[in-house]
C-alpha atoms as a PDB file:
ATOM      1  CA  MET A   1      -7.777   3.813  11.827  1.00  0.00           C
ATOM      2  CA  ALA A   2      -5.484   0.801  11.553  1.00  0.00           C
ATOM      3  CA  LEU A   3      -8.302  -1.199   9.949  1.00  0.00           C
ATOM      4  CA  LEU A   4      -8.902   1.509   7.336  1.00  0.00           C
ATOM      5  CA  ILE A   5      -5.213   1.676   6.476  1.00  0.00           C
ATOM      6  CA  TRP A   6      -5.045  -2.095   6.194  1.00  0.00           C
ATOM      7  CA  LEU A   7      -8.135  -2.108   3.946  1.00  0.00           C
ATOM      8  CA  PHE A   8      -6.316   0.218   1.556  1.00  0.00           C
ATOM      9  CA  ILE A   9      -2.857  -1.379   1.787  1.00  0.00           C
ATOM     10  CA  TYR A  10      -3.909  -4.990   1.233  1.00  0.00           C
ATOM     11  CA  PRO A  11      -5.459  -4.593  -2.235  1.00  0.00           C
ATOM     12  CA  VAL A  12      -2.734  -2.203  -3.395  1.00  0.00           C
ATOM     13  CA  ILE A  13       0.103  -4.500  -2.368  1.00  0.00           C
ATOM     14  CA  THR A  14      -1.709  -7.514  -3.824  1.00  0.00           C
ATOM     15  CA  ILE A  15      -2.123  -5.750  -7.168  1.00  0.00           C
ATOM     16  CA  LEU A  16       1.491  -4.559  -7.137  1.00  0.00           C
ATOM     17  CA  PHE A  17       2.682  -8.065  -6.348  1.00  0.00           C
ATOM     18  CA  TYR A  18       0.752  -9.629  -9.233  1.00  0.00           C
ATOM     19  CA  VAL A  19       1.684  -6.894 -11.710  1.00  0.00           C
ATOM     20  CA  LEU A  20       5.383  -6.841 -10.829  1.00  0.00           C
ATOM     21  CA  SER A  21       5.965 -10.501  -9.964  1.00  0.00           C
ATOM     22  CA  PRO A  22       6.714 -11.644 -13.546  1.00  0.00           C
ATOM     23  CA  TRP A  23       9.685  -9.261 -13.640  1.00  0.00           C
ATOM     24  CA  MET A  24      10.815  -9.979 -10.082  1.00  0.00           C
ATOM     25  CA  MET A  25      10.717 -13.793 -10.043  1.00  0.00           C
ATOM     26  CA  ASP A  26      14.481 -14.182 -10.053  1.00  0.00           C
ATOM     27  CA  TRP A  27      15.118 -11.381  -7.577  1.00  0.00           C
ATOM     28  CA  PRO A  28      16.062 -12.128  -3.982  1.00  0.00           C
ATOM     29  CA  PRO A  29      13.204 -11.534  -1.516  1.00  0.00           C
ATOM     30  CA  PHE A  30      14.797  -8.428   0.013  1.00  0.00           C
ATOM     31  CA  LEU A  31      14.934  -6.710  -3.401  1.00  0.00           C
ATOM     32  CA  ARG A  32      11.301  -7.607  -4.152  1.00  0.00           C
ATOM     33  CA  THR A  33      10.283  -6.182  -0.788  1.00  0.00           C
ATOM     34  CA  LEU A  34      12.384  -3.077  -1.388  1.00  0.00           C
ATOM     35  CA  LEU A  35      10.712  -2.383  -4.737  1.00  0.00           C
ATOM     36  CA  LEU A  36       7.204  -2.988  -3.396  1.00  0.00           C
ATOM     37  CA  THR A  37       7.772  -0.697  -0.422  1.00  0.00           C
ATOM     38  CA  LEU A  38       9.386   1.988  -2.602  1.00  0.00           C
ATOM     39  CA  ILE A  39       6.122   2.105  -4.540  1.00  0.00           C
ATOM     40  CA  LEU A  40       3.651   1.421  -1.730  1.00  0.00           C
ATOM     41  CA  VAL A  41       4.858   3.829   0.964  1.00  0.00           C
ATOM     42  CA  PRO A  42       4.744   7.039  -1.135  1.00  0.00           C
ATOM     43  CA  LEU A  43       1.432   5.916  -2.625  1.00  0.00           C
ATOM     44  CA  MET A  44      -0.024   5.470   0.843  1.00  0.00           C
ATOM     45  CA  VAL A  45       1.483   8.665   2.300  1.00  0.00           C
ATOM     46  CA  PHE A  46       0.572  11.012  -0.536  1.00  0.00           C
ATOM     47  CA  VAL A  47      -2.601   9.422  -1.965  1.00  0.00           C
ATOM     48  CA  ALA A  48      -4.370   6.919   0.272  1.00  0.00           C
ATOM     49  CA  LEU A  49      -3.845   8.437   3.728  1.00  0.00           C
ATOM     50  CA  PRO A  50      -5.063  11.917   2.735  1.00  0.00           C
ATOM     51  CA  PHE A  51      -8.086  10.259   1.109  1.00  0.00           C
ATOM     52  CA  ILE A  52      -8.769   8.186   4.243  1.00  0.00           C
ATOM     53  CA  HIS A  53      -8.476  11.237   6.494  1.00  0.00           C
ATOM     54  CA  LYS A  54     -10.748  13.300   4.256  1.00  0.00           C
ATOM     55  CA  LYS A  55     -13.466  10.690   3.724  1.00  0.00           C
ATOM     56  CA  PHE A  56     -13.473   9.041   7.156  1.00  0.00           C
ATOM     57  CA  PHE A  57     -12.544  11.984   9.417  1.00  0.00           C
ATOM     58  CA  GLY A  58     -15.809  11.935  11.381  1.00  0.00           C
ATOM     59  CA  TRP A  59     -15.713   8.179  11.870  1.00  0.00           C
ATOM     60  CA  VAL A  60     -12.033   8.107  12.854  1.00  0.00           C
ATOM     61  CA  ARG A  61     -12.467  10.875  15.448  1.00  0.00           C
ATOM     62  CA  ARG A  62     -15.039   8.845  17.406  1.00  0.00           C
END
């Protein structure tokens, strides 16, 4: 399960980083991290995790 979650988180956070980095260049690291997590966590909880559970339920149960 951890591998599946990582496989979804890595590309999403990479895309978010590249899309938002031009606007966040001058921000301190803690604010950049705050913004990325404010976007990533709800996206994972309400979109990706339900999708993972639905599509990979049989594989995850083993």
